[in-house]
Amino acid sequence: MKHILTTIAAVLLAGCASTKSLNLSSISIGMNKQQVITFKGEPFRVAAIDGLEYFIYRGFDKELLKPNGFMVYEAFIRFKDGKVDAYGRLDDFDSTRHKVLLIKKAAAK
């Protein structure tokens, strides 16, 4: 039984190893994609919409520890014409919010 619990704990910790605290202080407006990858590594995923491209990174917030683990969040780096023009956590800016939510918000005004 102890061996099974140790194995489960090791698997869970290994899964968390790829999710780390994000520090975007090394990112600057105007950087190109290769510079971003050099500082932050490969993104968790990539997305594009309305002529903008996004590198999405996952991290965890050590400040928001919960009894069952930690708070995982996603941050983005947005590129316009191949250069960084914005970065931060998802939902920090309207352009990173889900389009349906933006439509509902606009209709409510």
PDB file of N, CA and C in Angstrom:
ATOM      1  N   MET A   1       0.825  -1.188   0.000  1.00  0.00           N
ATOM      2  CA  MET A   1       0.000   0.000   0.000  1.00  0.00           C
ATOM      3  C   MET A   1       0.877   1.263   0.000  1.00  0.00           C
ATOM      4  N   LYS A   2       1.934   1.259   0.803  1.00  0.00           N
ATOM      5  CA  LYS A   2       2.827   2.409   0.877  1.00  0.00           C
ATOM      6  C   LYS A   2       3.481   2.671  -0.481  1.00  0.00           C
ATOM      7  N   HIS A   3       3.825   1.583  -1.183  1.00  0.00           N
ATOM      8  CA  HIS A   3       4.441   1.709  -2.497  1.00  0.00           C
ATOM      9  C   HIS A   3       3.471   2.365  -3.485  1.00  0.00           C
ATOM     10  N   ILE A   4       2.195   2.008  -3.421  1.00  0.00           N
ATOM     11  CA  ILE A   4       1.189   2.582  -4.323  1.00  0.00           C
ATOM     12  C   ILE A   4       1.023   4.073  -4.049  1.00  0.00           C
ATOM     13  N   LEU A   5       0.950   4.447  -2.776  1.00  0.00           N
ATOM     14  CA  LEU A   5       0.811   5.862  -2.425  1.00  0.00           C
ATOM     15  C   LEU A   5       2.036   6.669  -2.862  1.00  0.00           C
ATOM     16  N   THR A   6       3.212   6.102  -2.709  1.00  0.00           N
ATOM     17  CA  THR A   6       4.442   6.773  -3.142  1.00  0.00           C
ATOM     18  C   THR A   6       4.433   6.975  -4.648  1.00  0.00           C
ATOM     19  N   THR A   7       3.998   5.954  -5.380  1.00  0.00           N
ATOM     20  CA  THR A   7       3.929   6.051  -6.840  1.00  0.00           C
ATOM     21  C   THR A   7       2.933   7.120  -7.270  1.00  0.00           C
ATOM     22  N   ILE A   8       1.771   7.152  -6.649  1.00  0.00           N
ATOM     23  CA  ILE A   8       0.758   8.166  -6.976  1.00  0.00           C
ATOM     24  C   ILE A   8       1.299   9.564  -6.691  1.00  0.00           C
ATOM     25  N   ALA A   9       1.935   9.747  -5.560  1.00  0.00           N
ATOM     26  CA  ALA A   9       2.506  11.049  -5.216  1.00  0.00           C
ATOM     27  C   ALA A   9       3.562  11.472  -6.227  1.00  0.00           C
ATOM     28  N   ALA A  10       4.400  10.541  -6.656  1.00  0.00           N
ATOM     29  CA  ALA A  10       5.450  10.856  -7.630  1.00  0.00           C
ATOM     30  C   ALA A  10       4.853  11.274  -8.967  1.00  0.00           C
ATOM     31  N   VAL A  11       3.803  10.585  -9.399  1.00  0.00           N
ATOM     32  CA  VAL A  11       3.141  10.929 -10.667  1.00  0.00           C
ATOM     33  C   VAL A  11       2.509  12.310 -10.573  1.00  0.00           C
ATOM     34  N   LEU A  12       1.841  12.599  -9.471  1.00  0.00           N
ATOM     35  CA  LEU A  12       1.226  13.909  -9.302  1.00  0.00           C
ATOM     36  C   LEU A  12       2.261  15.024  -9.291  1.00  0.00           C
ATOM     37  N   LEU A  13       3.357  14.823  -8.605  1.00  0.00           N
ATOM     38  CA  LEU A  13       4.409  15.833  -8.571  1.00  0.00           C
ATOM     39  C   LEU A  13       5.067  16.008  -9.930  1.00  0.00           C
ATOM     40  N   ALA A  14       5.244  14.957 -10.655  1.00  0.00           N
ATOM     41  CA  ALA A  14       5.828  15.049 -12.001  1.00  0.00           C
ATOM     42  C   ALA A  14       4.913  15.843 -12.920  1.00  0.00           C
ATOM     43  N   GLY A  15       3.617  15.659 -12.777  1.00  0.00           N
ATOM     44  CA  GLY A  15       2.662  16.412 -13.576  1.00  0.00           C
ATOM     45  C   GLY A  15       2.696  17.888 -13.267  1.00  0.00           C
ATOM     46  N   CYS A  16       2.993  18.225 -12.043  1.00  0.00           N
ATOM     47  CA  CYS A  16       3.072  19.620 -11.640  1.00  0.00           C
ATOM     48  C   CYS A  16       4.390  20.261 -12.048  1.00  0.00           C
ATOM     49  N   ALA A  17       5.389  19.464 -12.320  1.00  0.00           N
ATOM     50  CA  ALA A  17       6.704  20.011 -12.623  1.00  0.00           C
ATOM     51  C   ALA A  17       6.699  20.864 -13.878  1.00  0.00           C
ATOM     52  N   SER A  18       5.825  20.554 -14.839  1.00  0.00           N
ATOM     53  CA  SER A  18       5.783  21.341 -16.064  1.00  0.00           C
ATOM     54  C   SER A  18       4.990  22.629 -15.881  1.00  0.00           C
ATOM     55  N   THR A  19       4.286  22.770 -14.777  1.00  0.00           N
ATOM     56  CA  THR A  19       3.541  23.979 -14.474  1.00  0.00           C
ATOM     57  C   THR A  19       4.316  24.732 -13.410  1.00  0.00           C
ATOM     58  N   LYS A  20       4.755  25.924 -13.747  1.00  0.00           N
ATOM     59  CA  LYS A  20       5.588  26.676 -12.814  1.00  0.00           C
ATOM     60  C   LYS A  20       5.064  28.086 -12.644  1.00  0.00           C
ATOM     61  N   SER A  21       5.558  28.751 -11.652  1.00  0.00           N
ATOM     62  CA  SER A  21       5.193  30.135 -11.446  1.00  0.00           C
ATOM     63  C   SER A  21       5.731  30.956 -12.616  1.00  0.00           C
ATOM     64  N   LEU A  22       4.888  31.810 -13.173  1.00  0.00           N
ATOM     65  CA  LEU A  22       5.296  32.604 -14.325  1.00  0.00           C
ATOM     66  C   LEU A  22       5.781  33.968 -13.886  1.00  0.00           C
ATOM     67  N   ASN A  23       6.886  34.371 -14.425  1.00  0.00           N
ATOM     68  CA  ASN A  23       7.405  35.709 -14.204  1.00  0.00           C
ATOM     69  C   ASN A  23       7.579  36.328 -15.582  1.00  0.00           C
ATOM     70  N   LEU A  24       6.735  37.270 -15.916  1.00  0.00           N
ATOM     71  CA  LEU A  24       6.780  37.885 -17.239  1.00  0.00           C
ATOM     72  C   LEU A  24       7.665  39.125 -17.278  1.00  0.00           C
ATOM     73  N   SER A  25       8.442  39.371 -16.232  1.00  0.00           N
ATOM     74  CA  SER A  25       9.275  40.577 -16.191  1.00  0.00           C
ATOM     75  C   SER A  25      10.378  40.574 -17.243  1.00  0.00           C
ATOM     76  N   SER A  26      10.709  39.401 -17.790  1.00  0.00           N
ATOM     77  CA  SER A  26      11.734  39.339 -18.828  1.00  0.00           C
ATOM     78  C   SER A  26      11.171  39.647 -20.211  1.00  0.00           C
ATOM     79  N   ILE A  27       9.854  39.823 -20.314  1.00  0.00           N
ATOM     80  CA  ILE A  27       9.205  40.103 -21.591  1.00  0.00           C
ATOM     81  C   ILE A  27       9.058  41.610 -21.760  1.00  0.00           C
ATOM     82  N   SER A  28       9.315  42.082 -22.969  1.00  0.00           N
ATOM     83  CA  SER A  28       9.190  43.505 -23.277  1.00  0.00           C
ATOM     84  C   SER A  28       8.400  43.691 -24.568  1.00  0.00           C
ATOM     85  N   ILE A  29       7.670  44.786 -24.638  1.00  0.00           N
ATOM     86  CA  ILE A  29       6.973  45.152 -25.864  1.00  0.00           C
ATOM     87  C   ILE A  29       8.013  45.269 -26.976  1.00  0.00           C
ATOM     88  N   GLY A  30       7.692  44.706 -28.145  1.00  0.00           N
ATOM     89  CA  GLY A  30       8.590  44.786 -29.294  1.00  0.00           C
ATOM     90  C   GLY A  30       9.469  43.560 -29.502  1.00  0.00           C
ATOM     91  N   MET A  31       9.523  42.653 -28.513  1.00  0.00           N
ATOM     92  CA  MET A  31      10.315  41.426 -28.693  1.00  0.00           C
ATOM     93  C   MET A  31       9.704  40.587 -29.807  1.00  0.00           C
ATOM     94  N   ASN A  32      10.548  39.790 -30.482  1.00  0.00           N
ATOM     95  CA  ASN A  32      10.014  38.861 -31.483  1.00  0.00           C
ATOM     96  C   ASN A  32       9.752  37.499 -30.835  1.00  0.00           C
ATOM     97  N   LYS A  33       9.163  36.595 -31.603  1.00  0.00           N
ATOM     98  CA  LYS A  33       8.763  35.287 -31.063  1.00  0.00           C
ATOM     99  C   LYS A  33       9.962  34.484 -30.564  1.00  0.00           C
ATOM    100  N   GLN A  34      11.055  34.507 -31.302  1.00  0.00           N
ATOM    101  CA  GLN A  34      12.229  33.725 -30.899  1.00  0.00           C
ATOM    102  C   GLN A  34      12.802  34.238 -29.578  1.00  0.00           C
ATOM    103  N   GLN A  35      12.807  35.545 -29.388  1.00  0.00           N
ATOM    104  CA  GLN A  35      13.288  36.105 -28.117  1.00  0.00           C
ATOM    105  C   GLN A  35      12.400  35.642 -26.962  1.00  0.00           C
ATOM    106  N   VAL A  36      11.093  35.627 -27.171  1.00  0.00           N
ATOM    107  CA  VAL A  36      10.164  35.182 -26.127  1.00  0.00           C
ATOM    108  C   VAL A  36      10.420  33.718 -25.793  1.00  0.00           C
ATOM    109  N   ILE A  37      10.573  32.887 -26.817  1.00  0.00           N
ATOM    110  CA  ILE A  37      10.818  31.457 -26.580  1.00  0.00           C
ATOM    111  C   ILE A  37      12.145  31.261 -25.849  1.00  0.00           C
ATOM    112  N   THR A  38      13.137  32.077 -26.159  1.00  0.00           N
ATOM    113  CA  THR A  38      14.425  31.993 -25.470  1.00  0.00           C
ATOM    114  C   THR A  38      14.253  32.246 -23.968  1.00  0.00           C
ATOM    115  N   PHE A  39      13.437  33.232 -23.606  1.00  0.00           N
ATOM    116  CA  PHE A  39      13.248  33.572 -22.192  1.00  0.00           C
ATOM    117  C   PHE A  39      12.222  32.687 -21.483  1.00  0.00           C
ATOM    118  N   LYS A  40      11.127  32.344 -22.155  1.00  0.00           N
ATOM    119  CA  LYS A  40      10.023  31.642 -21.489  1.00  0.00           C
ATOM    120  C   LYS A  40       9.876  30.187 -21.900  1.00  0.00           C
ATOM    121  N   GLY A  41      10.570  29.745 -22.932  1.00  0.00           N
ATOM    122  CA  GLY A  41      10.407  28.377 -23.414  1.00  0.00           C
ATOM    123  C   GLY A  41       9.227  28.277 -24.361  1.00  0.00           C
ATOM    124  N   GLU A  42       8.974  27.060 -24.818  1.00  0.00           N
ATOM    125  CA  GLU A  42       7.850  26.832 -25.728  1.00  0.00           C
ATOM    126  C   GLU A  42       6.544  27.092 -24.991  1.00  0.00           C
ATOM    127  N   PRO A  43       5.572  27.703 -25.655  1.00  0.00           N
ATOM    128  CA  PRO A  43       4.283  27.953 -25.001  1.00  0.00           C
ATOM    129  C   PRO A  43       3.496  26.671 -24.792  1.00  0.00           C
ATOM    130  N   PHE A  44       2.589  26.707 -23.836  1.00  0.00           N
ATOM    131  CA  PHE A  44       1.674  25.595 -23.573  1.00  0.00           C
ATOM    132  C   PHE A  44       0.798  25.359 -24.795  1.00  0.00           C
ATOM    133  N   ARG A  45       0.332  26.464 -25.395  1.00  0.00           N
ATOM    134  CA  ARG A  45      -0.404  26.394 -26.656  1.00  0.00           C
ATOM    135  C   ARG A  45      -0.294  27.729 -27.375  1.00  0.00           C
ATOM    136  N   VAL A  46      -0.671  27.720 -28.650  1.00  0.00           N
ATOM    137  CA  VAL A  46      -0.630  28.910 -29.490  1.00  0.00           C
ATOM    138  C   VAL A  46      -2.017  29.106 -30.078  1.00  0.00           C
ATOM    139  N   ALA A  47      -2.453  30.359 -30.185  1.00  0.00           N
ATOM    140  CA  ALA A  47      -3.754  30.663 -30.770  1.00  0.00           C
ATOM    141  C   ALA A  47      -3.629  31.920 -31.618  1.00  0.00           C
ATOM    142  N   ALA A  48      -4.541  32.089 -32.563  1.00  0.00           N
ATOM    143  CA  ALA A  48      -4.568  33.284 -33.396  1.00  0.00           C
ATOM    144  C   ALA A  48      -6.013  33.654 -33.676  1.00  0.00           C
ATOM    145  N   ILE A  49      -6.297  34.954 -33.630  1.00  0.00           N
ATOM    146  CA  ILE A  49      -7.629  35.454 -33.946  1.00  0.00           C
ATOM    147  C   ILE A  49      -7.515  36.932 -34.295  1.00  0.00           C
ATOM    148  N   ASP A  50      -8.289  37.358 -35.276  1.00  0.00           N
ATOM    149  CA  ASP A  50      -8.345  38.770 -35.684  1.00  0.00           C
ATOM    150  C   ASP A  50      -6.966  39.350 -35.991  1.00  0.00           C
ATOM    151  N   GLY A  51      -6.098  38.578 -36.632  1.00  0.00           N
ATOM    152  CA  GLY A  51      -4.778  39.079 -37.009  1.00  0.00           C
ATOM    153  C   GLY A  51      -3.765  39.147 -35.875  1.00  0.00           C
ATOM    154  N   LEU A  52      -4.112  38.635 -34.710  1.00  0.00           N
ATOM    155  CA  LEU A  52      -3.211  38.627 -33.563  1.00  0.00           C
ATOM    156  C   LEU A  52      -2.871  37.188 -33.216  1.00  0.00           C
ATOM    157  N   GLU A  53      -1.651  36.953 -32.787  1.00  0.00           N
ATOM    158  CA  GLU A  53      -1.230  35.614 -32.377  1.00  0.00           C
ATOM    159  C   GLU A  53      -0.916  35.637 -30.893  1.00  0.00           C
ATOM    160  N   TYR A  54      -1.245  34.549 -30.207  1.00  0.00           N
ATOM    161  CA  TYR A  54      -1.051  34.460 -28.763  1.00  0.00           C
ATOM    162  C   TYR A  54      -0.219  33.237 -28.412  1.00  0.00           C
ATOM    163  N   PHE A  55       0.777  33.437 -27.566  1.00  0.00           N
ATOM    164  CA  PHE A  55       1.460  32.331 -26.905  1.00  0.00           C
ATOM    165  C   PHE A  55       0.818  32.243 -25.529  1.00  0.00           C
ATOM    166  N   ILE A  56       0.312  31.062 -25.177  1.00  0.00           N
ATOM    167  CA  ILE A  56      -0.330  30.853 -23.887  1.00  0.00           C
ATOM    168  C   ILE A  56       0.603  30.007 -23.019  1.00  0.00           C
ATOM    169  N   TYR A  57       0.858  30.477 -21.812  1.00  0.00           N
ATOM    170  CA  TYR A  57       1.692  29.758 -20.852  1.00  0.00           C
ATOM    171  C   TYR A  57       0.854  29.449 -19.616  1.00  0.00           C
ATOM    172  N   ARG A  58       1.125  28.323 -18.972  1.00  0.00           N
ATOM    173  CA  ARG A  58       0.464  27.958 -17.721  1.00  0.00           C
ATOM    174  C   ARG A  58       1.417  28.159 -16.571  1.00  0.00           C
ATOM    175  N   GLY A  59       0.861  28.570 -15.453  1.00  0.00           N
ATOM    176  CA  GLY A  59       1.655  28.738 -14.245  1.00  0.00           C
ATOM    177  C   GLY A  59       0.788  28.512 -13.027  1.00  0.00           C
ATOM    178  N   PHE A  60       1.386  28.608 -11.864  1.00  0.00           N
ATOM    179  CA  PHE A  60       0.602  28.492 -10.645  1.00  0.00           C
ATOM    180  C   PHE A  60       0.897  29.676  -9.757  1.00  0.00           C
ATOM    181  N   ASP A  61      -0.089  30.013  -8.970  1.00  0.00           N
ATOM    182  CA  ASP A  61      -0.005  31.166  -8.095  1.00  0.00           C
ATOM    183  C   ASP A  61       0.260  30.688  -6.678  1.00  0.00           C
ATOM    184  N   LYS A  62       1.472  30.915  -6.189  1.00  0.00           N
ATOM    185  CA  LYS A  62       1.842  30.475  -4.842  1.00  0.00           C
ATOM    186  C   LYS A  62       1.094  31.255  -3.770  1.00  0.00           C
ATOM    187  N   GLU A  63       0.605  32.428  -4.112  1.00  0.00           N
ATOM    188  CA  GLU A  63      -0.119  33.252  -3.147  1.00  0.00           C
ATOM    189  C   GLU A  63      -1.516  32.690  -2.857  1.00  0.00           C
ATOM    190  N   LEU A  64      -2.049  31.929  -3.792  1.00  0.00           N
ATOM    191  CA  LEU A  64      -3.417  31.453  -3.651  1.00  0.00           C
ATOM    192  C   LEU A  64      -3.481  29.968  -3.343  1.00  0.00           C
ATOM    193  N   LEU A  65      -2.631  29.519  -2.432  1.00  0.00           N
ATOM    194  CA  LEU A  65      -2.627  28.101  -2.084  1.00  0.00           C
ATOM    195  C   LEU A  65      -3.971  27.692  -1.494  1.00  0.00           C
ATOM    196  N   LYS A  66      -4.410  26.534  -1.899  1.00  0.00           N
ATOM    197  CA  LYS A  66      -5.673  26.000  -1.407  1.00  0.00           C
ATOM    198  C   LYS A  66      -5.390  24.676  -0.715  1.00  0.00           C
ATOM    199  N   PRO A  67      -6.301  24.213   0.119  1.00  0.00           N
ATOM    200  CA  PRO A  67      -6.075  22.925   0.802  1.00  0.00           C
ATOM    201  C   PRO A  67      -5.860  21.768  -0.170  1.00  0.00           C
ATOM    202  N   ASN A  68      -6.453  21.840  -1.364  1.00  0.00           N
ATOM    203  CA  ASN A  68      -6.339  20.741  -2.314  1.00  0.00           C
ATOM    204  C   ASN A  68      -5.265  20.984  -3.382  1.00  0.00           C
ATOM    205  N   GLY A  69      -4.418  21.962  -3.201  1.00  0.00           N
ATOM    206  CA  GLY A  69      -3.372  22.223  -4.197  1.00  0.00           C
ATOM    207  C   GLY A  69      -3.111  23.697  -4.370  1.00  0.00           C
ATOM    208  N   PHE A  70      -2.809  24.108  -5.624  1.00  0.00           N
ATOM    209  CA  PHE A  70      -2.498  25.497  -5.894  1.00  0.00           C
ATOM    210  C   PHE A  70      -3.386  26.003  -7.029  1.00  0.00           C
ATOM    211  N   MET A  71      -3.442  27.311  -7.165  1.00  0.00           N
ATOM    212  CA  MET A  71      -4.266  27.941  -8.198  1.00  0.00           C
ATOM    213  C   MET A  71      -3.490  27.980  -9.513  1.00  0.00           C
ATOM    214  N   VAL A  72      -3.971  27.265 -10.522  1.00  0.00           N
ATOM    215  CA  VAL A  72      -3.338  27.268 -11.838  1.00  0.00           C
ATOM    216  C   VAL A  72      -3.990  28.363 -12.678  1.00  0.00           C
ATOM    217  N   TYR A  73      -3.181  29.102 -13.414  1.00  0.00           N
ATOM    218  CA  TYR A  73      -3.715  30.141 -14.289  1.00  0.00           C
ATOM    219  C   TYR A  73      -2.973  30.114 -15.612  1.00  0.00           C
ATOM    220  N   GLU A  74      -3.518  30.819 -16.579  1.00  0.00           N
ATOM    221  CA  GLU A  74      -2.872  30.941 -17.874  1.00  0.00           C
ATOM    222  C   GLU A  74      -2.540  32.401 -18.122  1.00  0.00           C
ATOM    223  N   ALA A  75      -1.384  32.613 -18.706  1.00  0.00           N
ATOM    224  CA  ALA A  75      -0.943  33.952 -19.090  1.00  0.00           C
ATOM    225  C   ALA A  75      -0.692  33.935 -20.589  1.00  0.00           C
ATOM    226  N   PHE A  76      -0.749  35.112 -21.202  1.00  0.00           N
ATOM    227  CA  PHE A  76      -0.564  35.188 -22.638  1.00  0.00           C
ATOM    228  C   PHE A  76       0.529  36.194 -22.987  1.00  0.00           C
ATOM    229  N   ILE A  77       1.080  35.995 -24.160  1.00  0.00           N
ATOM    230  CA  ILE A  77       1.933  36.989 -24.790  1.00  0.00           C
ATOM    231  C   ILE A  77       1.342  37.177 -26.175  1.00  0.00           C
ATOM    232  N   ARG A  78       0.898  38.399 -26.476  1.00  0.00           N
ATOM    233  CA  ARG A  78       0.210  38.679 -27.736  1.00  0.00           C
ATOM    234  C   ARG A  78       1.178  39.324 -28.724  1.00  0.00           C
ATOM    235  N   PHE A  79       1.119  38.833 -29.962  1.00  0.00           N
ATOM    236  CA  PHE A  79       1.975  39.344 -31.027  1.00  0.00           C
ATOM    237  C   PHE A  79       1.137  40.033 -32.094  1.00  0.00           C
ATOM    238  N   LYS A  80       1.599  41.179 -32.529  1.00  0.00           N
ATOM    239  CA  LYS A  80       1.014  41.878 -33.669  1.00  0.00           C
ATOM    240  C   LYS A  80       2.151  42.138 -34.636  1.00  0.00           C
ATOM    241  N   ASP A  81       2.005  41.698 -35.863  1.00  0.00           N
ATOM    242  CA  ASP A  81       3.061  41.817 -36.868  1.00  0.00           C
ATOM    243  C   ASP A  81       4.369  41.181 -36.391  1.00  0.00           C
ATOM    244  N   GLY A  82       4.260  40.061 -35.659  1.00  0.00           N
ATOM    245  CA  GLY A  82       5.431  39.307 -35.223  1.00  0.00           C
ATOM    246  C   GLY A  82       6.165  39.869 -34.017  1.00  0.00           C
ATOM    247  N   LYS A  83       5.630  40.921 -33.407  1.00  0.00           N
ATOM    248  CA  LYS A  83       6.267  41.556 -32.245  1.00  0.00           C
ATOM    249  C   LYS A  83       5.296  41.586 -31.069  1.00  0.00           C
ATOM    250  N   VAL A  84       5.836  41.458 -29.852  1.00  0.00           N
ATOM    251  CA  VAL A  84       5.004  41.521 -28.640  1.00  0.00           C
ATOM    252  C   VAL A  84       4.352  42.891 -28.564  1.00  0.00           C
ATOM    253  N   ASP A  85       3.023  42.902 -28.409  1.00  0.00           N
ATOM    254  CA  ASP A  85       2.347  44.180 -28.194  1.00  0.00           C
ATOM    255  C   ASP A  85       1.540  44.201 -26.901  1.00  0.00           C
ATOM    256  N   ALA A  86       1.423  43.031 -26.227  1.00  0.00           N
ATOM    257  CA  ALA A  86       0.753  42.972 -24.923  1.00  0.00           C
ATOM    258  C   ALA A  86       1.086  41.639 -24.279  1.00  0.00           C
ATOM    259  N   TYR A  87       1.005  41.599 -22.943  1.00  0.00           N
ATOM    260  CA  TYR A  87       1.194  40.350 -22.211  1.00  0.00           C
ATOM    261  C   TYR A  87       0.570  40.477 -20.840  1.00  0.00           C
ATOM    262  N   GLY A  88       0.219  39.339 -20.255  1.00  0.00           N
ATOM    263  CA  GLY A  88      -0.392  39.326 -18.927  1.00  0.00           C
ATOM    264  C   GLY A  88      -1.225  38.071 -18.752  1.00  0.00           C
ATOM    265  N   ARG A  89      -2.021  38.041 -17.702  1.00  0.00           N
ATOM    266  CA  ARG A  89      -2.908  36.903 -17.479  1.00  0.00           C
ATOM    267  C   ARG A  89      -4.078  36.978 -18.440  1.00  0.00           C
ATOM    268  N   LEU A  90      -4.603  35.798 -18.789  1.00  0.00           N
ATOM    269  CA  LEU A  90      -5.799  35.791 -19.621  1.00  0.00           C
ATOM    270  C   LEU A  90      -6.893  36.556 -18.895  1.00  0.00           C
ATOM    271  N   ASP A  91      -7.719  37.215 -19.623  1.00  0.00           N
ATOM    272  CA  ASP A  91      -8.818  38.055 -19.136  1.00  0.00           C
ATOM    273  C   ASP A  91      -8.358  39.393 -18.580  1.00  0.00           C
ATOM    274  N   ASP A  92      -7.057  39.703 -18.641  1.00  0.00           N
ATOM    275  CA  ASP A  92      -6.607  41.036 -18.253  1.00  0.00           C
ATOM    276  C   ASP A  92      -7.065  42.086 -19.263  1.00  0.00           C
ATOM    277  N   PHE A  93      -7.212  41.667 -20.523  1.00  0.00           N
ATOM    278  CA  PHE A  93      -7.565  42.579 -21.602  1.00  0.00           C
ATOM    279  C   PHE A  93      -8.753  42.002 -22.359  1.00  0.00           C
ATOM    280  N   ASP A  94      -9.605  42.854 -22.911  1.00  0.00           N
ATOM    281  CA  ASP A  94     -10.778  42.388 -23.646  1.00  0.00           C
ATOM    282  C   ASP A  94     -10.414  41.468 -24.799  1.00  0.00           C
ATOM    283  N   SER A  95      -9.288  41.699 -25.460  1.00  0.00           N
ATOM    284  CA  SER A  95      -8.947  40.894 -26.630  1.00  0.00           C
ATOM    285  C   SER A  95      -8.604  39.455 -26.275  1.00  0.00           C
ATOM    286  N   THR A  96      -8.395  39.148 -24.996  1.00  0.00           N
ATOM    287  CA  THR A  96      -8.100  37.766 -24.611  1.00  0.00           C
ATOM    288  C   THR A  96      -9.307  37.078 -23.989  1.00  0.00           C
ATOM    289  N   ARG A  97     -10.413  37.774 -23.893  1.00  0.00           N
ATOM    290  CA  ARG A  97     -11.622  37.171 -23.355  1.00  0.00           C
ATOM    291  C   ARG A  97     -12.353  36.432 -24.460  1.00  0.00           C
ATOM    292  N   HIS A  98     -13.174  35.516 -24.063  1.00  0.00           N
ATOM    293  CA  HIS A  98     -13.957  34.736 -25.014  1.00  0.00           C
ATOM    294  C   HIS A  98     -14.882  35.675 -25.793  1.00  0.00           C
ATOM    295  N   LYS A  99     -14.944  35.510 -27.107  1.00  0.00           N
ATOM    296  CA  LYS A  99     -15.715  36.410 -27.968  1.00  0.00           C
ATOM    297  C   LYS A  99     -17.196  36.462 -27.594  1.00  0.00           C
ATOM    298  N   VAL A 100     -17.798  35.349 -27.170  1.00  0.00           N
ATOM    299  CA  VAL A 100     -19.211  35.354 -26.789  1.00  0.00           C
ATOM    300  C   VAL A 100     -19.425  36.298 -25.611  1.00  0.00           C
ATOM    301  N   LEU A 101     -18.506  36.292 -24.654  1.00  0.00           N
ATOM    302  CA  LEU A 101     -18.624  37.193 -23.511  1.00  0.00           C
ATOM    303  C   LEU A 101     -18.521  38.645 -23.952  1.00  0.00           C
ATOM    304  N   LEU A 102     -17.652  38.926 -24.917  1.00  0.00           N
ATOM    305  CA  LEU A 102     -17.510  40.287 -25.414  1.00  0.00           C
ATOM    306  C   LEU A 102     -18.796  40.752 -26.116  1.00  0.00           C
ATOM    307  N   ILE A 103     -19.416  39.859 -26.872  1.00  0.00           N
ATOM    308  CA  ILE A 103     -20.651  40.197 -27.575  1.00  0.00           C
ATOM    309  C   ILE A 103     -21.752  40.491 -26.570  1.00  0.00           C
ATOM    310  N   LYS A 104     -21.866  39.650 -25.536  1.00  0.00           N
ATOM    311  CA  LYS A 104     -22.883  39.885 -24.501  1.00  0.00           C
ATOM    312  C   LYS A 104     -22.627  41.190 -23.785  1.00  0.00           C
ATOM    313  N   LYS A 105     -21.351  41.498 -23.510  1.00  0.00           N
ATOM    314  CA  LYS A 105     -20.995  42.734 -22.826  1.00  0.00           C
ATOM    315  C   LYS A 105     -21.363  43.939 -23.680  1.00  0.00           C
ATOM    316  N   ALA A 106     -21.085  43.881 -24.980  1.00  0.00           N
ATOM    317  CA  ALA A 106     -21.395  44.976 -25.884  1.00  0.00           C
ATOM    318  C   ALA A 106     -22.905  45.162 -26.022  1.00  0.00           C
ATOM    319  N   ALA A 107     -23.654  44.056 -26.047  1.00  0.00           N
ATOM    320  CA  ALA A 107     -25.099  44.124 -26.175  1.00  0.00           C
ATOM    321  C   ALA A 107     -25.747  44.712 -24.929  1.00  0.00           C
ATOM    322  N   ALA A 108     -25.126  44.519 -23.785  1.00  0.00           N
ATOM    323  CA  ALA A 108     -25.667  45.009 -22.523  1.00  0.00           C
ATOM    324  C   ALA A 108     -25.513  46.523 -22.367  1.00  0.00           C
ATOM    325  N   LYS A 109     -24.601  47.120 -23.114  1.00  0.00           N
ATOM    326  CA  LYS A 109     -24.345  48.567 -22.981  1.00  0.00           C
ATOM    327  C   LYS A 109     -25.435  49.408 -23.567  1.00  0.00           C
TER     328      LYS A 109
END
